[in-house]
Amino acid sequence: MNTIGGYLVVLALFALLALPGLIGHLRERAIDRQLRRAEHPDGAPEPPAGRSRTYAPERRLRHRPRTTAGQAH
């Protein structure tokens, strides 16, 4: 019985440590999808996952640096 309890403790600790990273990864993917949709305001369909885009060249987005509260934009 102690062995099962030990495994459960290890799994619980792993979940506590991995869950914030997984949630952050999923939020980043959602933001990436929103950015891709915003690049095509005419409603062009998003390419299927795992396939490269053939209708537009790959380009990098330029982001503004993040500012902290109280700094000028």
PDB file of N, CA and C in Angstrom:
ATOM      1  N   MET A   1       0.815  -1.189   0.000  1.00  0.00           N
ATOM      2  CA  MET A   1       0.000   0.000   0.000  1.00  0.00           C
ATOM      3  C   MET A   1       0.864   1.262   0.000  1.00  0.00           C
ATOM      4  N   ASN A   2       2.018   1.219   0.652  1.00  0.00           N
ATOM      5  CA  ASN A   2       2.906   2.373   0.662  1.00  0.00           C
ATOM      6  C   ASN A   2       3.440   2.682  -0.732  1.00  0.00           C
ATOM      7  N   THR A   3       3.634   1.651  -1.525  1.00  0.00           N
ATOM      8  CA  THR A   3       4.143   1.855  -2.884  1.00  0.00           C
ATOM      9  C   THR A   3       3.138   2.636  -3.722  1.00  0.00           C
ATOM     10  N   ILE A   4       1.879   2.271  -3.628  1.00  0.00           N
ATOM     11  CA  ILE A   4       0.842   2.981  -4.382  1.00  0.00           C
ATOM     12  C   ILE A   4       0.749   4.430  -3.912  1.00  0.00           C
ATOM     13  N   GLY A   5       0.821   4.644  -2.594  1.00  0.00           N
ATOM     14  CA  GLY A   5       0.795   6.005  -2.054  1.00  0.00           C
ATOM     15  C   GLY A   5       1.982   6.823  -2.538  1.00  0.00           C
ATOM     16  N   GLY A   6       3.147   6.190  -2.606  1.00  0.00           N
ATOM     17  CA  GLY A   6       4.330   6.882  -3.120  1.00  0.00           C
ATOM     18  C   GLY A   6       4.171   7.283  -4.569  1.00  0.00           C
ATOM     19  N   TYR A   7       3.632   6.392  -5.374  1.00  0.00           N
ATOM     20  CA  TYR A   7       3.387   6.714  -6.787  1.00  0.00           C
ATOM     21  C   TYR A   7       2.383   7.854  -6.919  1.00  0.00           C
ATOM     22  N   LEU A   8       1.348   7.832  -6.105  1.00  0.00           N
ATOM     23  CA  LEU A   8       0.340   8.897  -6.170  1.00  0.00           C
ATOM     24  C   LEU A   8       0.931  10.245  -5.767  1.00  0.00           C
ATOM     25  N   VAL A   9       1.802  10.247  -4.764  1.00  0.00           N
ATOM     26  CA  VAL A   9       2.452  11.494  -4.356  1.00  0.00           C
ATOM     27  C   VAL A   9       3.327  12.022  -5.485  1.00  0.00           C
ATOM     28  N   VAL A  10       4.091  11.152  -6.121  1.00  0.00           N
ATOM     29  CA  VAL A  10       4.956  11.579  -7.230  1.00  0.00           C
ATOM     30  C   VAL A  10       4.110  12.120  -8.378  1.00  0.00           C
ATOM     31  N   LEU A  11       3.023  11.446  -8.704  1.00  0.00           N
ATOM     32  CA  LEU A  11       2.155  11.923  -9.780  1.00  0.00           C
ATOM     33  C   LEU A  11       1.516  13.261  -9.429  1.00  0.00           C
ATOM     34  N   ALA A  12       1.102  13.432  -8.184  1.00  0.00           N
ATOM     35  CA  ALA A  12       0.501  14.697  -7.761  1.00  0.00           C
ATOM     36  C   ALA A  12       1.523  15.833  -7.845  1.00  0.00           C
ATOM     37  N   LEU A  13       2.747  15.588  -7.404  1.00  0.00           N
ATOM     38  CA  LEU A  13       3.784  16.623  -7.492  1.00  0.00           C
ATOM     39  C   LEU A  13       4.111  16.959  -8.943  1.00  0.00           C
ATOM     40  N   PHE A  14       4.173  15.928  -9.780  1.00  0.00           N
ATOM     41  CA  PHE A  14       4.425  16.174 -11.199  1.00  0.00           C
ATOM     42  C   PHE A  14       3.313  17.028 -11.803  1.00  0.00           C
ATOM     43  N   ALA A  15       2.067  16.715 -11.467  1.00  0.00           N
ATOM     44  CA  ALA A  15       0.941  17.490 -11.991  1.00  0.00           C
ATOM     45  C   ALA A  15       1.016  18.937 -11.508  1.00  0.00           C
ATOM     46  N   LEU A  16       1.355  19.146 -10.238  1.00  0.00           N
ATOM     47  CA  LEU A  16       1.459  20.507  -9.717  1.00  0.00           C
ATOM     48  C   LEU A  16       2.559  21.302 -10.407  1.00  0.00           C
ATOM     49  N   LEU A  17       3.635  20.634 -10.761  1.00  0.00           N
ATOM     50  CA  LEU A  17       4.739  21.329 -11.420  1.00  0.00           C
ATOM     51  C   LEU A  17       4.505  21.516 -12.914  1.00  0.00           C
ATOM     52  N   ALA A  18       3.849  20.559 -13.557  1.00  0.00           N
ATOM     53  CA  ALA A  18       3.680  20.610 -15.005  1.00  0.00           C
ATOM     54  C   ALA A  18       2.450  21.402 -15.433  1.00  0.00           C
ATOM     55  N   LEU A  19       1.445  21.488 -14.585  1.00  0.00           N
ATOM     56  CA  LEU A  19       0.199  22.126 -14.975  1.00  0.00           C
ATOM     57  C   LEU A  19       0.353  23.596 -15.366  1.00  0.00           C
ATOM     58  N   PRO A  20       1.073  24.436 -14.619  1.00  0.00           N
ATOM     59  CA  PRO A  20       1.226  25.839 -15.043  1.00  0.00           C
ATOM     60  C   PRO A  20       1.905  25.977 -16.408  1.00  0.00           C
ATOM     61  N   GLY A  21       2.898  25.148 -16.680  1.00  0.00           N
ATOM     62  CA  GLY A  21       3.551  25.194 -17.982  1.00  0.00           C
ATOM     63  C   GLY A  21       2.627  24.778 -19.105  1.00  0.00           C
ATOM     64  N   LEU A  22       1.834  23.759 -18.855  1.00  0.00           N
ATOM     65  CA  LEU A  22       0.879  23.305 -19.867  1.00  0.00           C
ATOM     66  C   LEU A  22      -0.177  24.365 -20.138  1.00  0.00           C
ATOM     67  N   ILE A  23      -0.680  24.994 -19.095  1.00  0.00           N
ATOM     68  CA  ILE A  23      -1.677  26.058 -19.276  1.00  0.00           C
ATOM     69  C   ILE A  23      -1.071  27.217 -20.059  1.00  0.00           C
ATOM     70  N   GLY A  24       0.158  27.605 -19.733  1.00  0.00           N
ATOM     71  CA  GLY A  24       0.826  28.681 -20.470  1.00  0.00           C
ATOM     72  C   GLY A  24       1.024  28.332 -21.935  1.00  0.00           C
ATOM     73  N   HIS A  25       1.394  27.095 -22.205  1.00  0.00           N
ATOM     74  CA  HIS A  25       1.580  26.651 -23.591  1.00  0.00           C
ATOM     75  C   HIS A  25       0.275  26.730 -24.363  1.00  0.00           C
ATOM     76  N   LEU A  26      -0.816  26.299 -23.750  1.00  0.00           N
ATOM     77  CA  LEU A  26      -2.109  26.350 -24.423  1.00  0.00           C
ATOM     78  C   LEU A  26      -2.552  27.792 -24.667  1.00  0.00           C
ATOM     79  N   ARG A  27      -2.273  28.696 -23.738  1.00  0.00           N
ATOM     80  CA  ARG A  27      -2.623  30.102 -23.946  1.00  0.00           C
ATOM     81  C   ARG A  27      -1.806  30.709 -25.090  1.00  0.00           C
ATOM     82  N   GLU A  28      -0.520  30.349 -25.156  1.00  0.00           N
ATOM     83  CA  GLU A  28       0.322  30.852 -26.242  1.00  0.00           C
ATOM     84  C   GLU A  28      -0.189  30.381 -27.598  1.00  0.00           C
ATOM     85  N   ARG A  29      -0.614  29.123 -27.684  1.00  0.00           N
ATOM     86  CA  ARG A  29      -1.154  28.610 -28.945  1.00  0.00           C
ATOM     87  C   ARG A  29      -2.423  29.345 -29.340  1.00  0.00           C
ATOM     88  N   ALA A  30      -3.274  29.663 -28.354  1.00  0.00           N
ATOM     89  CA  ALA A  30      -4.502  30.398 -28.644  1.00  0.00           C
ATOM     90  C   ALA A  30      -4.173  31.799 -29.154  1.00  0.00           C
ATOM     91  N   ILE A  31      -3.176  32.439 -28.555  1.00  0.00           N
ATOM     92  CA  ILE A  31      -2.758  33.767 -29.007  1.00  0.00           C
ATOM     93  C   ILE A  31      -2.187  33.691 -30.414  1.00  0.00           C
ATOM     94  N   ASP A  32      -1.389  32.663 -30.696  1.00  0.00           N
ATOM     95  CA  ASP A  32      -0.837  32.494 -32.042  1.00  0.00           C
ATOM     96  C   ASP A  32      -1.946  32.327 -33.073  1.00  0.00           C
ATOM     97  N   ARG A  33      -2.993  31.569 -32.739  1.00  0.00           N
ATOM     98  CA  ARG A  33      -4.124  31.410 -33.655  1.00  0.00           C
ATOM     99  C   ARG A  33      -4.811  32.742 -33.904  1.00  0.00           C
ATOM    100  N   GLN A  34      -4.974  33.555 -32.859  1.00  0.00           N
ATOM    101  CA  GLN A  34      -5.599  34.860 -33.016  1.00  0.00           C
ATOM    102  C   GLN A  34      -4.753  35.760 -33.902  1.00  0.00           C
ATOM    103  N   LEU A  35      -3.443  35.707 -33.724  1.00  0.00           N
ATOM    104  CA  LEU A  35      -2.564  36.531 -34.559  1.00  0.00           C
ATOM    105  C   LEU A  35      -2.619  36.102 -36.022  1.00  0.00           C
ATOM    106  N   ARG A  36      -2.649  34.786 -36.265  1.00  0.00           N
ATOM    107  CA  ARG A  36      -2.745  34.314 -37.647  1.00  0.00           C
ATOM    108  C   ARG A  36      -4.064  34.743 -38.280  1.00  0.00           C
ATOM    109  N   ARG A  37      -5.159  34.685 -37.511  1.00  0.00           N
ATOM    110  CA  ARG A  37      -6.450  35.119 -38.036  1.00  0.00           C
ATOM    111  C   ARG A  37      -6.444  36.615 -38.311  1.00  0.00           C
ATOM    112  N   ALA A  38      -5.760  37.394 -37.471  1.00  0.00           N
ATOM    113  CA  ALA A  38      -5.708  38.840 -37.647  1.00  0.00           C
ATOM    114  C   ALA A  38      -4.882  39.224 -38.866  1.00  0.00           C
ATOM    115  N   GLU A  39      -3.944  38.389 -39.280  1.00  0.00           N
ATOM    116  CA  GLU A  39      -3.155  38.675 -40.479  1.00  0.00           C
ATOM    117  C   GLU A  39      -4.003  38.612 -41.740  1.00  0.00           C
ATOM    118  N   HIS A  40      -5.118  37.902 -41.684  1.00  0.00           N
ATOM    119  CA  HIS A  40      -5.978  37.723 -42.850  1.00  0.00           C
ATOM    120  C   HIS A  40      -7.365  38.288 -42.551  1.00  0.00           C
ATOM    121  N   PRO A  41      -7.501  39.619 -42.600  1.00  0.00           N
ATOM    122  CA  PRO A  41      -8.790  40.207 -42.245  1.00  0.00           C
ATOM    123  C   PRO A  41      -9.904  39.879 -43.241  1.00  0.00           C
ATOM    124  N   ASP A  42      -9.560  39.416 -44.430  1.00  0.00           N
ATOM    125  CA  ASP A  42     -10.580  39.101 -45.427  1.00  0.00           C
ATOM    126  C   ASP A  42     -11.234  37.748 -45.170  1.00  0.00           C
ATOM    127  N   GLY A  43     -10.826  37.075 -44.097  1.00  0.00           N
ATOM    128  CA  GLY A  43     -11.446  35.803 -43.747  1.00  0.00           C
ATOM    129  C   GLY A  43     -10.833  34.610 -44.438  1.00  0.00           C
ATOM    130  N   ALA A  44      -9.596  34.749 -44.906  1.00  0.00           N
ATOM    131  CA  ALA A  44      -8.924  33.616 -45.544  1.00  0.00           C
ATOM    132  C   ALA A  44      -8.790  32.492 -44.538  1.00  0.00           C
ATOM    133  N   PRO A  45      -9.003  31.266 -44.959  1.00  0.00           N
ATOM    134  CA  PRO A  45      -8.955  30.156 -44.006  1.00  0.00           C
ATOM    135  C   PRO A  45      -7.549  29.926 -43.476  1.00  0.00           C
ATOM    136  N   GLU A  46      -7.508  29.459 -42.255  1.00  0.00           N
ATOM    137  CA  GLU A  46      -6.239  29.104 -41.628  1.00  0.00           C
ATOM    138  C   GLU A  46      -5.798  27.751 -42.177  1.00  0.00           C
ATOM    139  N   PRO A  47      -4.499  27.580 -42.486  1.00  0.00           N
ATOM    140  CA  PRO A  47      -4.056  26.292 -43.014  1.00  0.00           C
ATOM    141  C   PRO A  47      -4.206  25.196 -41.963  1.00  0.00           C
ATOM    142  N   PRO A  48      -4.413  23.965 -42.382  1.00  0.00           N
ATOM    143  CA  PRO A  48      -4.533  22.868 -41.420  1.00  0.00           C
ATOM    144  C   PRO A  48      -3.253  22.716 -40.599  1.00  0.00           C
ATOM    145  N   ALA A  49      -3.404  22.239 -39.393  1.00  0.00           N
ATOM    146  CA  ALA A  49      -2.250  22.068 -38.513  1.00  0.00           C
ATOM    147  C   ALA A  49      -1.283  21.060 -39.116  1.00  0.00           C
ATOM    148  N   GLY A  50       0.008  21.361 -39.018  1.00  0.00           N
ATOM    149  CA  GLY A  50       1.020  20.439 -39.508  1.00  0.00           C
ATOM    150  C   GLY A  50       1.401  20.648 -40.964  1.00  0.00           C
ATOM    151  N   ARG A  51       0.687  21.503 -41.658  1.00  0.00           N
ATOM    152  CA  ARG A  51       1.027  21.754 -43.067  1.00  0.00           C
ATOM    153  C   ARG A  51       1.537  23.179 -43.209  1.00  0.00           C
ATOM    154  N   SER A  52       2.483  23.372 -44.109  1.00  0.00           N
ATOM    155  CA  SER A  52       3.007  24.709 -44.324  1.00  0.00           C
ATOM    156  C   SER A  52       2.062  25.482 -45.236  1.00  0.00           C
ATOM    157  N   ARG A  53       2.121  26.802 -45.080  1.00  0.00           N
ATOM    158  CA  ARG A  53       1.273  27.637 -45.922  1.00  0.00           C
ATOM    159  C   ARG A  53       1.869  27.705 -47.318  1.00  0.00           C
ATOM    160  N   THR A  54       1.043  27.537 -48.330  1.00  0.00           N
ATOM    161  CA  THR A  54       1.534  27.607 -49.705  1.00  0.00           C
ATOM    162  C   THR A  54       1.055  28.876 -50.393  1.00  0.00           C
ATOM    163  N   TYR A  55       0.110  29.573 -49.794  1.00  0.00           N
ATOM    164  CA  TYR A  55      -0.462  30.734 -50.449  1.00  0.00           C
ATOM    165  C   TYR A  55       0.187  32.042 -50.020  1.00  0.00           C
ATOM    166  N   ALA A  56       1.057  32.032 -49.004  1.00  0.00           N
ATOM    167  CA  ALA A  56       1.713  33.251 -48.551  1.00  0.00           C
ATOM    168  C   ALA A  56       3.102  32.910 -48.024  1.00  0.00           C
ATOM    169  N   PRO A  57       4.068  33.789 -48.264  1.00  0.00           N
ATOM    170  CA  PRO A  57       5.407  33.529 -47.739  1.00  0.00           C
ATOM    171  C   PRO A  57       5.428  33.660 -46.216  1.00  0.00           C
ATOM    172  N   GLU A  58       6.336  32.961 -45.611  1.00  0.00           N
ATOM    173  CA  GLU A  58       6.483  33.016 -44.151  1.00  0.00           C
ATOM    174  C   GLU A  58       7.114  34.348 -43.777  1.00  0.00           C
ATOM    175  N   ARG A  59       6.559  34.999 -42.779  1.00  0.00           N
ATOM    176  CA  ARG A  59       7.156  36.250 -42.313  1.00  0.00           C
ATOM    177  C   ARG A  59       7.045  36.311 -40.809  1.00  0.00           C
ATOM    178  N   ARG A  60       7.962  37.038 -40.227  1.00  0.00           N
ATOM    179  CA  ARG A  60       7.979  37.164 -38.776  1.00  0.00           C
ATOM    180  C   ARG A  60       7.188  38.403 -38.368  1.00  0.00           C
ATOM    181  N   LEU A  61       6.496  38.285 -37.250  1.00  0.00           N
ATOM    182  CA  LEU A  61       5.766  39.416 -36.718  1.00  0.00           C
ATOM    183  C   LEU A  61       6.702  40.253 -35.856  1.00  0.00           C
ATOM    184  N   ARG A  62       6.524  41.534 -35.912  1.00  0.00           N
ATOM    185  CA  ARG A  62       7.321  42.418 -35.067  1.00  0.00           C
ATOM    186  C   ARG A  62       6.451  42.868 -33.914  1.00  0.00           C
ATOM    187  N   HIS A  63       6.916  42.596 -32.717  1.00  0.00           N
ATOM    188  CA  HIS A  63       6.156  42.944 -31.534  1.00  0.00           C
ATOM    189  C   HIS A  63       6.812  44.117 -30.829  1.00  0.00           C
ATOM    190  N   ARG A  64       5.971  44.949 -30.225  1.00  0.00           N
ATOM    191  CA  ARG A  64       6.512  46.018 -29.395  1.00  0.00           C
ATOM    192  C   ARG A  64       7.034  45.421 -28.101  1.00  0.00           C
ATOM    193  N   PRO A  65       8.097  45.976 -27.554  1.00  0.00           N
ATOM    194  CA  PRO A  65       8.565  45.464 -26.265  1.00  0.00           C
ATOM    195  C   PRO A  65       7.523  45.752 -25.189  1.00  0.00           C
ATOM    196  N   ARG A  66       7.401  44.838 -24.247  1.00  0.00           N
ATOM    197  CA  ARG A  66       6.443  45.024 -23.175  1.00  0.00           C
ATOM    198  C   ARG A  66       6.932  46.108 -22.233  1.00  0.00           C
ATOM    199  N   THR A  67       5.986  46.882 -21.716  1.00  0.00           N
ATOM    200  CA  THR A  67       6.328  47.931 -20.761  1.00  0.00           C
ATOM    201  C   THR A  67       5.716  47.586 -19.421  1.00  0.00           C
ATOM    202  N   THR A  68       6.316  48.112 -18.389  1.00  0.00           N
ATOM    203  CA  THR A  68       5.755  47.907 -17.063  1.00  0.00           C
ATOM    204  C   THR A  68       4.821  49.056 -16.744  1.00  0.00           C
ATOM    205  N   ALA A  69       4.054  48.899 -15.709  1.00  0.00           N
ATOM    206  CA  ALA A  69       3.089  49.929 -15.323  1.00  0.00           C
ATOM    207  C   ALA A  69       3.816  51.227 -15.029  1.00  0.00           C
ATOM    208  N   GLY A  70       3.286  52.314 -15.543  1.00  0.00           N
ATOM    209  CA  GLY A  70       3.873  53.622 -15.293  1.00  0.00           C
ATOM    210  C   GLY A  70       4.844  54.091 -16.351  1.00  0.00           C
ATOM    211  N   GLN A  71       5.279  53.239 -17.253  1.00  0.00           N
ATOM    212  CA  GLN A  71       6.187  53.662 -18.305  1.00  0.00           C
ATOM    213  C   GLN A  71       5.391  54.168 -19.501  1.00  0.00           C
ATOM    214  N   ALA A  72       5.987  55.076 -20.230  1.00  0.00           N
ATOM    215  CA  ALA A  72       5.343  55.601 -21.433  1.00  0.00           C
ATOM    216  C   ALA A  72       5.379  54.553 -22.523  1.00  0.00           C
ATOM    217  N   HIS A  73       4.373  54.550 -23.360  1.00  0.00           N
ATOM    218  CA  HIS A  73       4.314  53.588 -24.467  1.00  0.00           C
ATOM    219  C   HIS A  73       5.104  54.088 -25.589  1.00  0.00           C
TER     220      HIS A  73
END
